[in-house]
């Protein structure tokens, strides 16, 4: 299990020396990339679902743009049907709806969704919350439903501190055009896997596993062989060893 973090930079107006774009343009690009990878409508358990993206304290137009990327109002019905966003049973359906209610009661802003979809089955509208705080249940717990929580941060030190405060540590994603930002976050975040400008990318040679409550040991890669090996210690006295 993981509480994955997405990072996009702030948007001052001076040019970015690496990309040649203005900072605002770079932020829009990073924002759209991060949102494109957001897993909003899982119909089953996804331990790497990016349900808690972190964005810088961005302007109003970017906030609206974010919500439009997450869930276009005009396509709400099509999205629900296309992704077969049904919960497995009544118990899971009620659990997700309780999380949505908790988000509303704790002061998060409901940007979209939040209701049952249709009158039959266990469908839930894709739901987006903004103004989410770290101590809210929708930010701390993995919901395993179509609920997206948008969090904001002011600088890298803040997002590192907050991301590492979670009890999980399976994976994180970083979206940035700045190599220094990417290097800083990959070194600082306590996560088993950190994707840069991508998400959910796997290979048999890439070790997979988490920190903290996200497990011990690693699967895949050479590190996975340790799961099938045993270490034997042999101790015996030596008489007149040559090296003494």
Protein backbone atom coordinates (compact mmCIF):
# COMPACT_ATOMS: atom_id res chain seq x y z
CA UNK A 1 0.00 0.00 0.00
CA UNK A 2 1.21 3.47 -0.70
CA UNK A 3 0.22 7.06 -0.49
CA UNK A 4 1.73 8.31 -3.70
CA UNK A 5 2.86 11.92 -4.17
CA UNK A 6 2.88 13.89 -7.40
CA UNK A 7 5.02 17.01 -7.61
CA UNK A 8 4.73 19.91 -10.08
CA UNK A 9 6.69 23.14 -9.72
CA UNK A 10 5.34 26.60 -8.96
CA UNK A 11 4.80 29.10 -11.74
CA UNK A 12 6.72 32.38 -11.56
CA UNK A 13 7.02 34.26 -14.82
CA UNK A 14 10.79 34.26 -15.39
CA UNK A 15 12.02 31.87 -18.13
CA UNK A 16 13.11 28.35 -17.31
CA UNK A 17 16.79 28.10 -18.40
CA UNK A 18 16.49 24.37 -19.18
CA UNK A 19 13.30 24.19 -21.25
CA UNK A 20 13.19 27.75 -22.65
CA UNK A 21 9.55 28.04 -21.60
CA UNK A 22 8.27 30.54 -19.09
CA UNK A 23 7.85 29.16 -15.59
CA UNK A 24 4.08 29.45 -15.96
CA UNK A 25 4.18 27.45 -19.21
CA UNK A 26 6.40 24.82 -17.60
CA UNK A 27 4.03 24.52 -14.68
CA UNK A 28 1.08 24.01 -17.04
CA UNK A 29 2.96 21.25 -18.85
CA UNK A 30 3.96 19.50 -15.64
CA UNK A 31 0.47 19.89 -14.23
CA UNK A 32 -1.17 18.37 -17.29
CA UNK A 33 1.34 15.50 -17.34
CA UNK A 34 0.72 14.72 -13.68
CA UNK A 35 -3.04 14.84 -14.11
CA UNK A 36 -2.88 12.61 -17.18
CA UNK A 37 -1.34 9.90 -14.99
CA UNK A 38 -3.83 10.37 -12.12
CA UNK A 39 -5.73 7.18 -11.39
CA UNK A 40 -9.19 8.54 -10.74
CA UNK A 41 -11.49 5.65 -11.50
CA UNK A 42 -10.10 2.36 -10.15
CA UNK A 43 -12.67 -0.44 -10.06
CA UNK A 44 -10.50 -2.75 -7.92
CA UNK A 45 -7.69 -2.57 -5.40
CA UNK A 46 -4.74 -0.65 -6.80
CA UNK A 47 -1.95 -0.42 -4.25
CA UNK A 48 -0.11 2.15 -6.41
CA UNK A 49 -3.11 4.35 -7.16
CA UNK A 50 -2.03 8.00 -7.27
CA UNK A 51 -4.94 9.14 -5.15
CA UNK A 52 -3.19 12.02 -3.33
CA UNK A 53 -1.39 14.24 -5.85
CA UNK A 54 0.50 17.22 -4.42
CA UNK A 55 0.59 20.45 -6.40
CA UNK A 56 2.23 23.77 -5.56
CA UNK A 57 0.05 26.63 -4.37
CA UNK A 58 -1.15 27.41 -7.87
CA UNK A 59 -3.35 30.11 -9.32
CA UNK A 60 -7.09 29.87 -9.82
CA UNK A 61 -6.91 29.16 -13.55
CA UNK A 62 -4.61 26.20 -12.92
CA UNK A 63 -6.92 24.87 -10.22
CA UNK A 64 -9.86 24.93 -12.63
CA UNK A 65 -7.68 23.39 -15.32
CA UNK A 66 -6.73 20.61 -12.92
CA UNK A 67 -10.34 19.76 -12.15
CA UNK A 68 -11.22 19.82 -15.85
CA UNK A 69 -8.43 17.33 -16.55
CA UNK A 70 -9.52 15.09 -13.72
CA UNK A 71 -13.19 14.92 -14.59
CA UNK A 72 -14.75 16.86 -17.50
CA UNK A 73 -18.37 17.54 -16.50
CA UNK A 74 -19.64 16.95 -20.01
CA UNK A 75 -18.23 13.43 -20.04
CA UNK A 76 -19.24 12.33 -16.53
CA UNK A 77 -21.69 9.67 -17.69
CA UNK A 78 -19.34 8.38 -20.39
CA UNK A 79 -16.46 8.11 -17.91
CA UNK A 80 -18.53 6.17 -15.38
CA UNK A 81 -19.73 3.71 -18.01
CA UNK A 82 -16.45 3.40 -19.92
CA UNK A 83 -14.40 2.53 -16.84
CA UNK A 84 -17.08 0.26 -15.33
CA UNK A 85 -16.50 2.07 -12.09
CA UNK A 86 -18.45 -0.27 -9.87
CA UNK A 87 -17.51 -1.42 -6.40
CA UNK A 88 -17.40 -5.13 -5.70
CA UNK A 89 -20.30 -5.22 -3.24
CA UNK A 90 -22.50 -3.17 -0.93
CA UNK A 91 -19.90 -3.18 1.84
CA UNK A 92 -17.20 -1.60 -0.35
CA UNK A 93 -19.70 0.81 -1.85
CA UNK A 94 -20.74 1.99 1.62
CA UNK A 95 -17.10 2.29 2.68
CA UNK A 96 -16.23 4.60 -0.23
CA UNK A 97 -19.32 6.71 0.38
CA UNK A 98 -18.33 7.05 4.05
CA UNK A 99 -14.94 8.39 2.96
CA UNK A 100 -16.63 10.91 0.69
CA UNK A 101 -18.87 11.99 3.58
CA UNK A 102 -15.80 12.25 5.81
CA UNK A 103 -14.12 14.51 3.27
CA UNK A 104 -17.09 16.85 3.25
CA UNK A 105 -17.38 16.88 7.04
CA UNK A 106 -13.67 17.55 7.52
CA UNK A 107 -13.79 20.68 5.36
CA UNK A 108 -12.43 19.55 1.99
CA UNK A 109 -13.95 21.22 -1.08
CA UNK A 110 -15.91 18.88 -3.33
CA UNK A 111 -15.01 19.89 -6.88
CA UNK A 112 -16.86 17.15 -8.72
CA UNK A 113 -18.82 13.95 -8.17
CA UNK A 114 -19.48 12.67 -4.67
CA UNK A 115 -22.73 10.86 -5.41
CA UNK A 116 -23.96 7.46 -6.46
CA UNK A 117 -24.12 6.95 -10.21
CA UNK A 118 -27.39 5.48 -11.44
CA UNK A 119 -29.95 3.53 -9.43
CA UNK A 120 -28.61 0.01 -9.95
CA UNK A 121 -25.33 -1.62 -9.07
CA UNK A 122 -22.56 -0.08 -6.98
CA UNK A 123 -21.41 2.74 -9.23
CA UNK A 124 -19.92 5.93 -7.74
CA UNK A 125 -19.29 9.16 -9.60
CA UNK A 126 -15.60 10.04 -10.08
CA UNK A 127 -14.97 12.36 -7.15
CA UNK A 128 -12.41 15.15 -6.76
CA UNK A 129 -11.65 16.98 -3.51
CA UNK A 130 -9.47 20.08 -3.23
CA UNK A 131 -8.27 21.96 -0.13
CA UNK A 132 -7.37 18.62 1.42
CA UNK A 133 -5.27 18.58 4.60
CA UNK A 134 -2.84 15.89 5.68
CA UNK A 135 -4.85 14.91 8.76
CA UNK A 136 -8.04 14.18 6.83
CA UNK A 137 -9.00 10.53 6.40
CA UNK A 138 -9.28 10.95 2.64
CA UNK A 139 -5.60 11.94 2.62
CA UNK A 140 -4.29 9.43 5.18
CA UNK A 141 -6.14 6.28 4.08
CA UNK A 142 -6.24 4.42 0.81
CA UNK A 143 -9.84 4.42 -0.29
CA UNK A 144 -9.69 1.97 -3.23
CA UNK A 145 -12.44 3.90 -4.96
CA UNK A 146 -12.88 6.79 -7.42
CA UNK A 147 -11.84 9.53 -5.00
CA UNK A 148 -9.03 11.97 -5.78
CA UNK A 149 -7.61 14.30 -3.12
CA UNK A 150 -5.65 17.36 -4.29
CA UNK A 151 -3.10 18.70 -1.81
CA UNK A 152 -0.97 21.84 -2.10
CA UNK A 153 2.56 22.67 -0.99
CA UNK A 154 4.79 25.76 -1.04
CA UNK A 155 8.32 24.38 -1.44
CA UNK A 156 10.28 21.13 -1.71
CA UNK A 157 11.21 21.01 1.97
CA UNK A 158 7.53 21.09 2.87
CA UNK A 159 6.44 18.41 0.43
CA UNK A 160 9.34 16.13 1.48
CA UNK A 161 8.46 16.48 5.14
CA UNK A 162 4.77 15.84 4.56
CA UNK A 163 5.26 12.96 2.13
CA UNK A 164 7.65 11.20 4.51
CA UNK A 165 5.23 11.63 7.41
CA UNK A 166 2.85 9.06 5.93
CA UNK A 167 2.96 5.54 7.36
CA UNK A 168 3.21 4.13 3.85
CA UNK A 169 6.14 4.12 1.46
CA UNK A 170 5.53 2.00 -1.61
CA UNK A 171 5.86 4.47 -4.47
CA UNK A 172 5.86 8.14 -5.49
CA UNK A 173 5.81 10.04 -8.76
CA UNK A 174 7.59 13.31 -9.51
CA UNK A 175 6.70 15.49 -12.48
CA UNK A 176 9.18 18.26 -13.23
CA UNK A 177 11.43 19.72 -15.95
CA UNK A 178 14.08 20.58 -13.36
CA UNK A 179 16.73 17.87 -12.90
CA UNK A 180 17.77 19.33 -9.54
CA UNK A 181 14.20 19.03 -8.27
CA UNK A 182 14.04 15.43 -9.49
CA UNK A 183 17.36 14.50 -7.88
CA UNK A 184 16.47 16.16 -4.58
CA UNK A 185 13.15 14.36 -4.31
CA UNK A 186 14.46 10.94 -5.35
CA UNK A 187 17.09 11.15 -2.62
CA UNK A 188 14.78 12.52 0.07
CA UNK A 189 11.50 10.63 -0.34
CA UNK A 190 11.20 7.43 1.70
CA UNK A 191 9.57 5.36 -1.03
CA UNK A 192 10.51 2.02 -2.53
CA UNK A 193 9.94 3.23 -6.09
CA UNK A 194 10.06 6.80 -7.40
CA UNK A 195 8.97 7.48 -10.97
CA UNK A 196 10.17 10.63 -12.74
CA UNK A 197 7.74 12.07 -15.32
CA UNK A 198 5.94 8.74 -15.56
CA UNK A 199 3.97 6.39 -13.35
CA UNK A 200 3.28 2.65 -12.96
CA UNK A 201 6.28 1.65 -15.08
CA UNK A 202 7.63 -1.83 -14.32
CA UNK A 203 10.30 -4.19 -15.56
CA UNK A 204 11.47 -7.61 -14.40
CA UNK A 205 14.91 -6.12 -13.64
CA UNK A 206 13.58 -3.25 -11.49
CA UNK A 207 13.32 -4.10 -7.75
CA UNK A 208 9.85 -3.56 -6.31
CA UNK A 209 8.93 -3.13 -2.65
CA UNK A 210 8.23 -0.52 -0.04
CA UNK A 211 9.37 1.27 3.09
CA UNK A 212 7.64 1.42 6.48
CA UNK A 213 4.19 -0.26 6.48
CA UNK A 214 4.46 -0.92 2.75
CA UNK A 215 6.43 -4.09 3.36
CA UNK A 216 9.89 -5.52 3.66
CA UNK A 217 12.20 -7.03 1.06
CA UNK A 218 12.05 -6.65 -2.70
CA UNK A 219 10.54 -8.50 -5.60
CA UNK A 220 12.05 -8.58 -9.10
CA UNK A 221 15.62 -7.86 -10.05
CA UNK A 222 18.68 -9.43 -8.46
CA UNK A 223 17.40 -8.38 -5.04
CA UNK A 224 14.48 -10.83 -5.31
CA UNK A 225 16.91 -13.77 -5.25
CA UNK A 226 17.49 -13.14 -1.55
CA UNK A 227 13.95 -14.42 -0.94
CA UNK A 228 15.06 -17.86 -2.14
CA UNK A 229 18.43 -18.06 -0.42
CA UNK A 230 19.43 -19.01 3.11
CA UNK A 231 22.55 -17.90 4.94
CA UNK A 232 24.44 -20.49 6.96
CA UNK A 233 27.01 -19.52 9.58
CA UNK A 234 29.75 -22.03 10.38
CA UNK A 235 31.98 -21.43 13.40
CA UNK A 236 34.90 -23.70 14.34
CA UNK A 237 38.10 -23.17 16.36
CA UNK A 238 41.37 -23.13 14.47
CA UNK A 239 44.58 -24.53 15.93
CA UNK A 240 47.76 -22.63 15.06
CA UNK A 241 46.17 -20.60 12.28
CA UNK A 242 48.81 -19.50 9.79
CA UNK A 243 47.63 -15.91 9.71
CA UNK A 244 48.11 -15.30 13.44
